Amino acid sequence: MILYMQQFGIHPNEIENTKEDIDKSILQIEDLVKASKKVVAIGEIGLDYHWEKDRKELQRYSFIEQIKLANKLELPIVIHSRDAIMDTIDILRNDVKPNKNGILHCCQLNKDLVKTGLEEELYISFAGAITFKSSKNADEIIKMVPDDRILIETDCPYLSPEPHRGQRNDSRNIKYTAQKIADVKQKSLEEIAKITYENARRIYGI
C-alpha cells in the first residue's frame, strides 16, 4: 500500500521579509490545508541561524505563528532547528506549545534539545549523522530517546550515513541509520524498523 501524504509550512530559510507578509503566507497555508484531506503536519517550520543570521526575529515570529496555526488545525508540527538550539528550546518551553505533538526533524545531537523535545512530548527523528565517526555523543543521545518516541529519516539528498558519507543520500541508505539505533539499543534491525514505522503512523495519524 502506498500512502500519499502532504505537509505545508514556511521553512525558516524561505520566510518573507515582513511580519505582514508572513501572516499572508500563513493564511495561504491554512487555505491549502483546509482544501486537502491528505495534510498530516505543518512543517518544516522552525529556526535556522546557519544560513539566516540576520532575520532571527522574523524567524521566531514565523515559527511561533505556525505553531499556533498547527494548534488551530489540530495538526502536529515538524521542526527544523539548525544552530538555534537555545531559541528553539525557549520557544517550545515559554512561548507556545504544540497541542498535537510534533517531530524534531533531523534532530541535532544536543542533550538539552532532546530533553526539551521529550518533555514537550515530541518525537525525535534521527538521520545519517548518528553514524558519523565525528558524532561522539550519538550513543548517549540515542539512549535518551524511548522506543515510543524515536523516528528515522534520510534528510535526502543530504547526510548520507556511513559507509556512504559524502554521496547523495536516498531511501536505500535508511537501513544504516536504523542499524546504528539497533546496535545502541541492543535490538534487531527488524525491531527498530517496526518501532519507527508504528511511531510514524501514530504521529501522522495514518
N, C-alpha and C. Protein backbone atom coordinates (compact mmCIF):
# COMPACT_ATOMS: atom_id res chain seq x y z
N MET A 1 0.85 -1.20 0.00
CA MET A 1 0.00 0.00 0.00
C MET A 1 0.88 1.24 0.00
N ILE A 2 0.60 2.19 -0.87
CA ILE A 2 1.32 3.45 -0.95
C ILE A 2 0.44 4.56 -0.37
N LEU A 3 1.00 5.31 0.57
CA LEU A 3 0.27 6.41 1.19
C LEU A 3 0.81 7.73 0.66
N TYR A 4 -0.07 8.58 0.19
CA TYR A 4 0.31 9.89 -0.29
C TYR A 4 -0.06 10.92 0.78
N MET A 5 0.95 11.56 1.35
CA MET A 5 0.72 12.50 2.43
C MET A 5 1.31 13.85 2.06
N GLN A 6 0.78 14.89 2.66
CA GLN A 6 1.27 16.24 2.42
C GLN A 6 1.54 16.93 3.76
N GLN A 7 2.47 17.86 3.72
CA GLN A 7 2.63 18.79 4.83
C GLN A 7 3.00 20.15 4.24
N PHE A 8 2.51 21.19 4.89
CA PHE A 8 2.77 22.55 4.43
C PHE A 8 3.38 23.37 5.56
N GLY A 9 4.29 24.24 5.21
CA GLY A 9 4.89 25.13 6.19
C GLY A 9 5.88 26.06 5.53
N ILE A 10 6.24 27.12 6.24
CA ILE A 10 7.24 28.07 5.75
C ILE A 10 8.56 27.73 6.42
N HIS A 11 9.49 27.20 5.64
CA HIS A 11 10.82 26.88 6.15
C HIS A 11 11.51 28.17 6.57
N PRO A 12 12.31 28.14 7.64
CA PRO A 12 12.95 29.39 8.09
C PRO A 12 13.83 30.05 7.05
N ASN A 13 14.33 29.30 6.08
CA ASN A 13 15.14 29.92 5.03
C ASN A 13 14.30 30.55 3.93
N GLU A 14 12.99 30.38 4.01
CA GLU A 14 12.10 30.87 2.95
C GLU A 14 11.09 31.89 3.45
N ILE A 15 11.28 32.42 4.64
CA ILE A 15 10.29 33.35 5.18
C ILE A 15 10.31 34.67 4.43
N GLU A 16 9.18 35.38 4.52
CA GLU A 16 9.07 36.71 3.92
C GLU A 16 9.85 37.73 4.74
N ASN A 17 9.90 38.96 4.25
CA ASN A 17 10.74 39.98 4.87
C ASN A 17 9.99 40.87 5.87
N THR A 18 8.68 40.67 6.01
CA THR A 18 7.92 41.44 6.99
C THR A 18 6.93 40.51 7.69
N LYS A 19 6.52 40.89 8.89
CA LYS A 19 5.53 40.10 9.61
C LYS A 19 4.20 40.06 8.86
N GLU A 20 3.88 41.17 8.21
CA GLU A 20 2.62 41.22 7.46
C GLU A 20 2.63 40.20 6.32
N ASP A 21 3.73 40.07 5.62
CA ASP A 21 3.81 39.11 4.53
C ASP A 21 3.86 37.67 5.05
N ILE A 22 4.49 37.49 6.20
CA ILE A 22 4.47 36.16 6.83
C ILE A 22 3.04 35.77 7.17
N ASP A 23 2.29 36.72 7.72
CA ASP A 23 0.88 36.45 8.06
C ASP A 23 0.08 36.04 6.82
N LYS A 24 0.34 36.71 5.71
CA LYS A 24 -0.37 36.37 4.48
C LYS A 24 -0.03 34.95 4.02
N SER A 25 1.24 34.58 4.11
CA SER A 25 1.66 33.24 3.72
C SER A 25 1.03 32.18 4.63
N ILE A 26 0.92 32.49 5.91
CA ILE A 26 0.32 31.54 6.84
C ILE A 26 -1.16 31.36 6.53
N LEU A 27 -1.84 32.43 6.15
CA LEU A 27 -3.24 32.31 5.74
C LEU A 27 -3.38 31.43 4.49
N GLN A 28 -2.43 31.55 3.58
CA GLN A 28 -2.44 30.70 2.39
C GLN A 28 -2.25 29.23 2.76
N ILE A 29 -1.37 28.98 3.74
CA ILE A 29 -1.16 27.61 4.20
C ILE A 29 -2.45 27.06 4.81
N GLU A 30 -3.11 27.87 5.60
CA GLU A 30 -4.37 27.43 6.20
C GLU A 30 -5.39 27.05 5.13
N ASP A 31 -5.47 27.86 4.08
CA ASP A 31 -6.39 27.55 2.98
C ASP A 31 -6.01 26.24 2.28
N LEU A 32 -4.71 26.02 2.07
CA LEU A 32 -4.25 24.79 1.43
C LEU A 32 -4.59 23.56 2.27
N VAL A 33 -4.39 23.68 3.56
CA VAL A 33 -4.70 22.55 4.45
C VAL A 33 -6.18 22.23 4.42
N LYS A 34 -7.00 23.25 4.49
CA LYS A 34 -8.45 23.04 4.51
C LYS A 34 -8.96 22.47 3.18
N ALA A 35 -8.21 22.71 2.10
CA ALA A 35 -8.65 22.23 0.79
C ALA A 35 -8.21 20.80 0.51
N SER A 36 -7.38 20.25 1.38
CA SER A 36 -6.84 18.90 1.15
C SER A 36 -7.18 17.98 2.31
N LYS A 37 -7.38 16.72 2.01
CA LYS A 37 -7.62 15.72 3.04
C LYS A 37 -6.36 14.89 3.32
N LYS A 38 -5.25 15.28 2.70
CA LYS A 38 -4.03 14.48 2.81
C LYS A 38 -2.94 15.13 3.64
N VAL A 39 -3.24 16.29 4.24
CA VAL A 39 -2.23 17.00 5.02
C VAL A 39 -2.13 16.37 6.41
N VAL A 40 -0.91 15.99 6.78
CA VAL A 40 -0.72 15.30 8.06
C VAL A 40 0.10 16.13 9.05
N ALA A 41 0.68 17.27 8.62
CA ALA A 41 1.52 18.06 9.53
C ALA A 41 1.77 19.44 8.96
N ILE A 42 2.15 20.35 9.85
CA ILE A 42 2.64 21.67 9.46
C ILE A 42 4.16 21.66 9.59
N GLY A 43 4.86 21.88 8.48
CA GLY A 43 6.31 21.82 8.55
C GLY A 43 6.93 21.74 7.16
N GLU A 44 8.26 21.88 7.05
CA GLU A 44 9.14 22.15 8.16
C GLU A 44 9.03 23.61 8.59
N ILE A 45 8.96 23.80 9.88
CA ILE A 45 8.98 25.14 10.45
C ILE A 45 10.06 25.18 11.53
N GLY A 46 10.49 26.37 11.87
CA GLY A 46 11.49 26.44 12.93
C GLY A 46 12.49 27.56 12.74
N LEU A 47 13.73 27.28 13.11
CA LEU A 47 14.78 28.29 13.12
C LEU A 47 16.03 27.75 12.45
N ASP A 48 16.69 28.61 11.65
CA ASP A 48 17.95 28.24 11.02
C ASP A 48 18.88 29.43 11.07
N TYR A 49 19.80 29.41 12.04
CA TYR A 49 20.75 30.51 12.18
C TYR A 49 22.06 30.21 11.46
N HIS A 50 22.12 29.09 10.77
CA HIS A 50 23.32 28.77 9.98
C HIS A 50 23.35 29.61 8.71
N TRP A 51 22.21 29.63 8.01
CA TRP A 51 22.12 30.38 6.75
C TRP A 51 21.46 31.74 6.93
N GLU A 52 20.63 31.89 7.94
CA GLU A 52 19.83 33.12 8.10
C GLU A 52 20.16 33.79 9.43
N LYS A 53 21.31 34.41 9.52
CA LYS A 53 21.74 35.01 10.78
C LYS A 53 21.12 36.38 11.03
N ASP A 54 20.61 37.02 9.98
CA ASP A 54 20.19 38.41 10.10
C ASP A 54 18.68 38.59 10.30
N ARG A 55 17.94 37.51 10.28
CA ARG A 55 16.47 37.65 10.40
C ARG A 55 15.93 36.78 11.53
N LYS A 56 16.63 36.79 12.64
CA LYS A 56 16.25 35.92 13.75
C LYS A 56 14.87 36.26 14.31
N GLU A 57 14.58 37.55 14.44
CA GLU A 57 13.28 37.96 14.99
C GLU A 57 12.14 37.50 14.09
N LEU A 58 12.31 37.64 12.78
CA LEU A 58 11.28 37.19 11.85
C LEU A 58 11.14 35.67 11.87
N GLN A 59 12.26 34.98 12.00
CA GLN A 59 12.19 33.53 12.10
C GLN A 59 11.39 33.09 13.32
N ARG A 60 11.69 33.71 14.45
CA ARG A 60 10.96 33.38 15.68
C ARG A 60 9.47 33.65 15.51
N TYR A 61 9.15 34.80 14.92
CA TYR A 61 7.75 35.15 14.70
C TYR A 61 7.06 34.11 13.82
N SER A 62 7.70 33.76 12.72
CA SER A 62 7.12 32.79 11.79
C SER A 62 6.93 31.43 12.46
N PHE A 63 7.91 31.00 13.24
CA PHE A 63 7.84 29.72 13.94
C PHE A 63 6.66 29.72 14.91
N ILE A 64 6.58 30.73 15.74
CA ILE A 64 5.52 30.80 16.75
C ILE A 64 4.14 30.83 16.10
N GLU A 65 3.98 31.66 15.07
CA GLU A 65 2.67 31.79 14.43
C GLU A 65 2.26 30.49 13.73
N GLN A 66 3.22 29.75 13.22
CA GLN A 66 2.88 28.49 12.56
C GLN A 66 2.56 27.38 13.58
N ILE A 67 3.17 27.44 14.75
CA ILE A 67 2.74 26.52 15.80
C ILE A 67 1.30 26.82 16.18
N LYS A 68 0.97 28.10 16.28
CA LYS A 68 -0.42 28.49 16.59
C LYS A 68 -1.37 27.97 15.51
N LEU A 69 -0.95 28.06 14.25
CA LEU A 69 -1.78 27.55 13.16
C LEU A 69 -1.97 26.04 13.29
N ALA A 70 -0.89 25.33 13.57
CA ALA A 70 -0.99 23.87 13.73
C ALA A 70 -1.95 23.53 14.87
N ASN A 71 -1.88 24.28 15.96
CA ASN A 71 -2.79 24.04 17.08
C ASN A 71 -4.24 24.29 16.66
N LYS A 72 -4.45 25.33 15.89
CA LYS A 72 -5.80 25.65 15.41
C LYS A 72 -6.34 24.55 14.51
N LEU A 73 -5.48 23.99 13.67
CA LEU A 73 -5.89 22.96 12.72
C LEU A 73 -5.77 21.55 13.29
N GLU A 74 -5.29 21.47 14.52
CA GLU A 74 -5.13 20.18 15.22
C GLU A 74 -4.22 19.24 14.43
N LEU A 75 -3.05 19.78 14.05
CA LEU A 75 -2.05 19.01 13.32
C LEU A 75 -0.72 19.04 14.08
N PRO A 76 0.09 17.99 13.97
CA PRO A 76 1.44 18.03 14.53
C PRO A 76 2.34 18.95 13.72
N ILE A 77 3.49 19.28 14.28
CA ILE A 77 4.46 20.13 13.60
C ILE A 77 5.74 19.34 13.34
N VAL A 78 6.47 19.76 12.31
CA VAL A 78 7.78 19.19 12.00
C VAL A 78 8.78 20.33 12.13
N ILE A 79 9.69 20.20 13.09
CA ILE A 79 10.56 21.31 13.49
C ILE A 79 11.95 21.18 12.88
N HIS A 80 12.37 22.25 12.22
CA HIS A 80 13.74 22.40 11.73
C HIS A 80 14.48 23.31 12.69
N SER A 81 15.59 22.83 13.24
CA SER A 81 16.40 23.66 14.13
C SER A 81 17.86 23.44 13.79
N ARG A 82 18.52 24.49 13.31
CA ARG A 82 19.94 24.39 12.97
C ARG A 82 20.68 25.58 13.55
N ASP A 83 21.64 25.30 14.38
CA ASP A 83 22.44 26.34 15.05
C ASP A 83 21.55 27.33 15.80
N ALA A 84 20.44 26.83 16.31
CA ALA A 84 19.48 27.70 17.01
C ALA A 84 18.87 26.98 18.20
N ILE A 85 19.69 26.18 18.86
CA ILE A 85 19.17 25.29 19.89
C ILE A 85 18.51 26.05 21.03
N MET A 86 19.16 27.07 21.57
CA MET A 86 18.62 27.75 22.74
C MET A 86 17.32 28.47 22.43
N ASP A 87 17.23 29.10 21.26
CA ASP A 87 15.99 29.79 20.90
C ASP A 87 14.86 28.78 20.63
N THR A 88 15.20 27.65 20.03
CA THR A 88 14.19 26.60 19.82
C THR A 88 13.65 26.12 21.16
N ILE A 89 14.55 25.86 22.10
CA ILE A 89 14.14 25.43 23.44
C ILE A 89 13.27 26.49 24.10
N ASP A 90 13.69 27.75 24.00
CA ASP A 90 12.95 28.85 24.64
C ASP A 90 11.52 28.95 24.11
N ILE A 91 11.37 28.85 22.79
CA ILE A 91 10.03 28.95 22.20
C ILE A 91 9.15 27.79 22.64
N LEU A 92 9.68 26.58 22.62
CA LEU A 92 8.89 25.41 22.99
C LEU A 92 8.51 25.43 24.47
N ARG A 93 9.38 25.99 25.31
CA ARG A 93 9.10 26.00 26.74
C ARG A 93 8.26 27.18 27.18
N ASN A 94 8.45 28.34 26.52
CA ASN A 94 7.92 29.58 27.08
C ASN A 94 6.94 30.34 26.19
N ASP A 95 6.94 30.09 24.89
CA ASP A 95 6.10 30.90 24.01
C ASP A 95 4.80 30.17 23.64
N VAL A 96 4.91 29.06 22.98
CA VAL A 96 3.72 28.33 22.57
C VAL A 96 4.06 26.85 22.44
N LYS A 97 3.19 26.01 22.96
CA LYS A 97 3.43 24.57 22.95
C LYS A 97 2.55 23.91 21.89
N PRO A 98 3.09 22.96 21.14
CA PRO A 98 2.26 22.25 20.16
C PRO A 98 1.24 21.35 20.85
N ASN A 99 -0.03 21.51 20.48
CA ASN A 99 -1.09 20.72 21.11
C ASN A 99 -1.13 19.29 20.61
N LYS A 100 -0.71 19.07 19.37
CA LYS A 100 -0.80 17.74 18.76
C LYS A 100 0.58 17.11 18.59
N ASN A 101 1.49 17.48 19.49
CA ASN A 101 2.85 16.94 19.44
C ASN A 101 3.56 17.35 18.16
N GLY A 102 4.62 16.66 17.82
CA GLY A 102 5.39 17.02 16.64
C GLY A 102 6.68 16.24 16.59
N ILE A 103 7.55 16.65 15.68
CA ILE A 103 8.79 15.93 15.41
C ILE A 103 9.95 16.93 15.40
N LEU A 104 11.01 16.60 16.12
CA LEU A 104 12.27 17.32 15.96
C LEU A 104 12.99 16.66 14.78
N HIS A 105 12.81 17.25 13.62
CA HIS A 105 13.32 16.70 12.36
C HIS A 105 14.84 16.76 12.33
N CYS A 106 15.44 15.65 11.87
CA CYS A 106 16.91 15.61 11.71
C CYS A 106 17.57 16.20 12.95
N CYS A 107 17.18 15.68 14.09
CA CYS A 107 17.48 16.32 15.38
C CYS A 107 18.98 16.45 15.61
N GLN A 108 19.41 17.65 15.98
CA GLN A 108 20.79 17.86 16.35
C GLN A 108 21.10 17.08 17.62
N LEU A 109 22.32 16.58 17.72
CA LEU A 109 22.69 15.71 18.83
C LEU A 109 23.09 16.55 20.04
N ASN A 110 22.09 17.20 20.61
CA ASN A 110 22.28 18.08 21.75
C ASN A 110 21.37 17.60 22.88
N LYS A 111 21.92 17.32 24.04
CA LYS A 111 21.15 16.74 25.14
C LYS A 111 20.02 17.65 25.60
N ASP A 112 20.28 18.96 25.69
CA ASP A 112 19.24 19.88 26.16
C ASP A 112 18.07 19.95 25.18
N LEU A 113 18.38 19.95 23.88
CA LEU A 113 17.32 20.00 22.88
C LEU A 113 16.49 18.73 22.92
N VAL A 114 17.13 17.58 22.98
CA VAL A 114 16.40 16.31 23.03
C VAL A 114 15.59 16.21 24.32
N LYS A 115 16.17 16.61 25.44
CA LYS A 115 15.45 16.59 26.71
C LYS A 115 14.20 17.46 26.64
N THR A 116 14.34 18.66 26.09
CA THR A 116 13.18 19.55 25.96
C THR A 116 12.14 18.93 25.03
N GLY A 117 12.58 18.38 23.91
CA GLY A 117 11.65 17.75 22.99
C GLY A 117 10.85 16.65 23.66
N LEU A 118 11.52 15.82 24.43
CA LEU A 118 10.82 14.72 25.11
C LEU A 118 9.88 15.25 26.18
N GLU A 119 10.29 16.29 26.88
CA GLU A 119 9.42 16.90 27.89
C GLU A 119 8.15 17.47 27.26
N GLU A 120 8.27 17.96 26.03
CA GLU A 120 7.12 18.51 25.31
C GLU A 120 6.40 17.44 24.48
N GLU A 121 6.76 16.18 24.72
CA GLU A 121 6.11 15.02 24.09
C GLU A 121 6.32 14.99 22.57
N LEU A 122 7.46 15.51 22.12
CA LEU A 122 7.79 15.45 20.70
C LEU A 122 8.48 14.13 20.38
N TYR A 123 8.44 13.77 19.11
CA TYR A 123 9.19 12.63 18.61
C TYR A 123 10.56 13.13 18.16
N ILE A 124 11.57 12.28 18.31
CA ILE A 124 12.94 12.64 17.95
C ILE A 124 13.32 11.84 16.71
N SER A 125 13.61 12.55 15.62
CA SER A 125 13.92 11.89 14.35
C SER A 125 15.41 11.99 14.05
N PHE A 126 16.04 10.83 13.85
CA PHE A 126 17.46 10.77 13.59
C PHE A 126 17.74 10.51 12.12
N ALA A 127 18.78 11.15 11.61
CA ALA A 127 19.24 10.93 10.24
C ALA A 127 20.66 10.35 10.27
N GLY A 128 21.30 10.35 9.11
CA GLY A 128 22.58 9.68 8.96
C GLY A 128 23.70 10.19 9.84
N ALA A 129 23.56 11.39 10.38
CA ALA A 129 24.64 11.96 11.20
C ALA A 129 24.97 11.10 12.42
N ILE A 130 24.02 10.31 12.89
CA ILE A 130 24.31 9.48 14.07
C ILE A 130 25.34 8.40 13.77
N THR A 131 25.60 8.13 12.49
CA THR A 131 26.59 7.11 12.13
C THR A 131 27.98 7.70 11.93
N PHE A 132 28.10 9.02 11.93
CA PHE A 132 29.38 9.65 11.65
C PHE A 132 30.35 9.41 12.81
N LYS A 133 31.59 9.18 12.47
CA LYS A 133 32.62 8.98 13.49
C LYS A 133 32.81 10.24 14.34
N SER A 134 32.49 11.39 13.77
CA SER A 134 32.63 12.65 14.50
C SER A 134 31.50 12.90 15.49
N SER A 135 30.44 12.11 15.41
CA SER A 135 29.29 12.28 16.32
C SER A 135 29.56 11.52 17.61
N LYS A 136 30.38 12.11 18.46
CA LYS A 136 30.89 11.41 19.64
C LYS A 136 29.80 11.06 20.65
N ASN A 137 28.73 11.87 20.72
CA ASN A 137 27.69 11.63 21.73
C ASN A 137 26.45 10.95 21.15
N ALA A 138 26.56 10.39 19.95
CA ALA A 138 25.38 9.79 19.32
C ALA A 138 24.77 8.68 20.16
N ASP A 139 25.60 7.80 20.70
CA ASP A 139 25.08 6.69 21.50
C ASP A 139 24.32 7.20 22.71
N GLU A 140 24.88 8.19 23.40
CA GLU A 140 24.23 8.75 24.59
C GLU A 140 22.88 9.36 24.24
N ILE A 141 22.82 10.09 23.14
CA ILE A 141 21.57 10.73 22.73
C ILE A 141 20.53 9.68 22.34
N ILE A 142 20.94 8.68 21.58
CA ILE A 142 20.01 7.62 21.18
C ILE A 142 19.41 6.94 22.40
N LYS A 143 20.23 6.69 23.41
CA LYS A 143 19.75 6.02 24.62
C LYS A 143 18.76 6.88 25.40
N MET A 144 18.83 8.21 25.21
CA MET A 144 17.89 9.11 25.89
C MET A 144 16.46 8.95 25.39
N VAL A 145 16.31 8.52 24.14
CA VAL A 145 15.00 8.54 23.49
C VAL A 145 14.30 7.19 23.67
N PRO A 146 13.14 7.17 24.33
CA PRO A 146 12.42 5.91 24.50
C PRO A 146 11.92 5.38 23.16
N ASP A 147 11.66 4.09 23.12
CA ASP A 147 11.27 3.46 21.87
C ASP A 147 10.03 4.09 21.25
N ASP A 148 9.10 4.55 22.07
CA ASP A 148 7.85 5.07 21.52
C ASP A 148 7.95 6.52 21.07
N ARG A 149 9.20 7.09 21.06
CA ARG A 149 9.38 8.47 20.62
C ARG A 149 10.45 8.60 19.54
N ILE A 150 10.91 7.50 18.99
CA ILE A 150 12.03 7.55 18.06
C ILE A 150 11.58 7.37 16.62
N LEU A 151 12.18 8.15 15.72
CA LEU A 151 11.91 8.07 14.29
C LEU A 151 13.24 8.08 13.54
N ILE A 152 13.21 7.64 12.29
CA ILE A 152 14.40 7.70 11.43
C ILE A 152 14.01 8.35 10.10
N GLU A 153 15.01 8.95 9.44
CA GLU A 153 14.77 9.63 8.17
C GLU A 153 16.06 9.70 7.38
N THR A 154 15.95 10.06 6.11
CA THR A 154 17.14 10.23 5.29
C THR A 154 17.64 11.67 5.29
N ASP A 155 16.74 12.66 5.32
CA ASP A 155 17.05 14.05 5.01
C ASP A 155 17.65 14.15 3.61
N CYS A 156 17.17 13.31 2.73
CA CYS A 156 17.61 13.27 1.33
C CYS A 156 17.54 14.67 0.71
N PRO A 157 18.56 15.08 -0.05
CA PRO A 157 19.72 14.33 -0.53
C PRO A 157 20.96 14.48 0.35
N TYR A 158 20.76 14.93 1.61
CA TYR A 158 21.89 15.24 2.48
C TYR A 158 22.13 14.13 3.50
N LEU A 159 23.24 14.27 4.22
CA LEU A 159 23.56 13.47 5.40
C LEU A 159 23.53 11.97 5.14
N SER A 160 24.13 11.54 4.05
CA SER A 160 24.25 10.10 3.82
C SER A 160 25.03 9.46 4.96
N PRO A 161 24.51 8.37 5.50
CA PRO A 161 25.21 7.71 6.61
C PRO A 161 26.46 6.99 6.15
N GLU A 162 27.31 6.69 7.12
CA GLU A 162 28.40 5.78 6.82
C GLU A 162 27.79 4.43 6.39
N PRO A 163 28.32 3.78 5.37
CA PRO A 163 29.59 3.98 4.69
C PRO A 163 29.49 4.82 3.42
N HIS A 164 28.41 5.61 3.25
CA HIS A 164 28.22 6.39 2.03
C HIS A 164 28.28 7.89 2.29
N ARG A 165 28.92 8.28 3.37
CA ARG A 165 29.01 9.70 3.70
C ARG A 165 29.66 10.46 2.55
N GLY A 166 29.09 11.62 2.23
CA GLY A 166 29.62 12.45 1.15
C GLY A 166 28.97 12.21 -0.18
N GLN A 167 28.19 11.14 -0.29
CA GLN A 167 27.47 10.85 -1.51
C GLN A 167 26.03 11.35 -1.39
N ARG A 168 25.33 11.39 -2.53
CA ARG A 168 23.93 11.79 -2.50
C ARG A 168 23.12 10.75 -1.73
N ASN A 169 22.31 11.21 -0.81
CA ASN A 169 21.53 10.31 0.03
C ASN A 169 20.19 9.96 -0.62
N ASP A 170 19.69 8.78 -0.32
CA ASP A 170 18.33 8.40 -0.72
C ASP A 170 17.84 7.31 0.22
N SER A 171 16.63 6.86 0.01
CA SER A 171 15.98 5.96 0.96
C SER A 171 16.66 4.60 1.09
N ARG A 172 17.52 4.24 0.14
CA ARG A 172 18.24 2.97 0.25
C ARG A 172 19.18 2.96 1.45
N ASN A 173 19.56 4.14 1.91
CA ASN A 173 20.53 4.23 3.00
C ASN A 173 19.91 4.25 4.39
N ILE A 174 18.60 4.25 4.47
CA ILE A 174 17.95 4.35 5.78
C ILE A 174 18.32 3.18 6.68
N LYS A 175 18.67 2.06 6.07
CA LYS A 175 18.99 0.87 6.86
C LYS A 175 20.21 1.09 7.75
N TYR A 176 21.14 1.93 7.30
CA TYR A 176 22.35 2.17 8.09
C TYR A 176 22.03 2.99 9.34
N THR A 177 21.14 3.95 9.20
CA THR A 177 20.70 4.73 10.36
C THR A 177 19.94 3.84 11.33
N ALA A 178 19.06 3.01 10.80
CA ALA A 178 18.29 2.09 11.65
C ALA A 178 19.21 1.10 12.35
N GLN A 179 20.23 0.62 11.64
CA GLN A 179 21.15 -0.35 12.23
C GLN A 179 21.94 0.27 13.38
N LYS A 180 22.33 1.54 13.23
CA LYS A 180 23.04 2.22 14.31
C LYS A 180 22.18 2.24 15.57
N ILE A 181 20.90 2.58 15.42
CA ILE A 181 19.99 2.62 16.57
C ILE A 181 19.82 1.23 17.15
N ALA A 182 19.68 0.24 16.28
CA ALA A 182 19.53 -1.14 16.73
C ALA A 182 20.74 -1.58 17.56
N ASP A 183 21.93 -1.23 17.10
CA ASP A 183 23.15 -1.61 17.82
C ASP A 183 23.18 -0.96 19.21
N VAL A 184 22.85 0.33 19.27
CA VAL A 184 22.89 1.04 20.55
C VAL A 184 21.85 0.51 21.51
N LYS A 185 20.65 0.25 21.00
CA LYS A 185 19.55 -0.21 21.85
C LYS A 185 19.53 -1.72 22.03
N GLN A 186 20.50 -2.40 21.41
CA GLN A 186 20.61 -3.85 21.51
C GLN A 186 19.32 -4.55 21.09
N LYS A 187 18.85 -4.13 19.93
CA LYS A 187 17.68 -4.72 19.30
C LYS A 187 18.04 -5.14 17.89
N SER A 188 17.15 -5.89 17.26
CA SER A 188 17.38 -6.28 15.88
C SER A 188 16.97 -5.14 14.94
N LEU A 189 17.51 -5.18 13.73
CA LEU A 189 17.13 -4.20 12.73
C LEU A 189 15.63 -4.26 12.47
N GLU A 190 15.08 -5.45 12.45
CA GLU A 190 13.64 -5.63 12.21
C GLU A 190 12.81 -4.99 13.32
N GLU A 191 13.29 -5.09 14.56
CA GLU A 191 12.56 -4.47 15.67
C GLU A 191 12.54 -2.95 15.52
N ILE A 192 13.68 -2.36 15.18
CA ILE A 192 13.74 -0.91 15.01
C ILE A 192 12.87 -0.47 13.84
N ALA A 193 12.86 -1.24 12.77
CA ALA A 193 12.01 -0.91 11.62
C ALA A 193 10.55 -0.89 12.04
N LYS A 194 10.13 -1.87 12.81
CA LYS A 194 8.73 -1.94 13.24
C LYS A 194 8.40 -0.80 14.20
N ILE A 195 9.30 -0.54 15.15
CA ILE A 195 9.07 0.52 16.13
C ILE A 195 8.91 1.87 15.44
N THR A 196 9.83 2.20 14.54
CA THR A 196 9.79 3.51 13.90
C THR A 196 8.62 3.63 12.93
N TYR A 197 8.25 2.53 12.29
CA TYR A 197 7.08 2.52 11.41
C TYR A 197 5.82 2.84 12.19
N GLU A 198 5.64 2.17 13.32
CA GLU A 198 4.45 2.40 14.13
C GLU A 198 4.44 3.80 14.72
N ASN A 199 5.61 4.30 15.10
CA ASN A 199 5.67 5.68 15.61
C ASN A 199 5.28 6.69 14.56
N ALA A 200 5.73 6.48 13.32
CA ALA A 200 5.37 7.38 12.22
C ALA A 200 3.86 7.35 11.96
N ARG A 201 3.29 6.16 11.99
CA ARG A 201 1.83 6.07 11.83
C ARG A 201 1.09 6.83 12.92
N ARG A 202 1.61 6.73 14.14
CA ARG A 202 0.93 7.36 15.27
C ARG A 202 1.00 8.87 15.18
N ILE A 203 2.19 9.42 14.95
CA ILE A 203 2.32 10.87 14.95
C ILE A 203 1.58 11.50 13.78
N TYR A 204 1.54 10.82 12.63
CA TYR A 204 0.85 11.38 11.46
C TYR A 204 -0.62 10.99 11.38
N GLY A 205 -1.06 10.14 12.30
CA GLY A 205 -2.46 9.76 12.33
C GLY A 205 -2.89 8.96 11.11
N ILE A 206 -2.05 8.02 10.68
CA ILE A 206 -2.36 7.24 9.48
C ILE A 206 -2.39 5.74 9.80
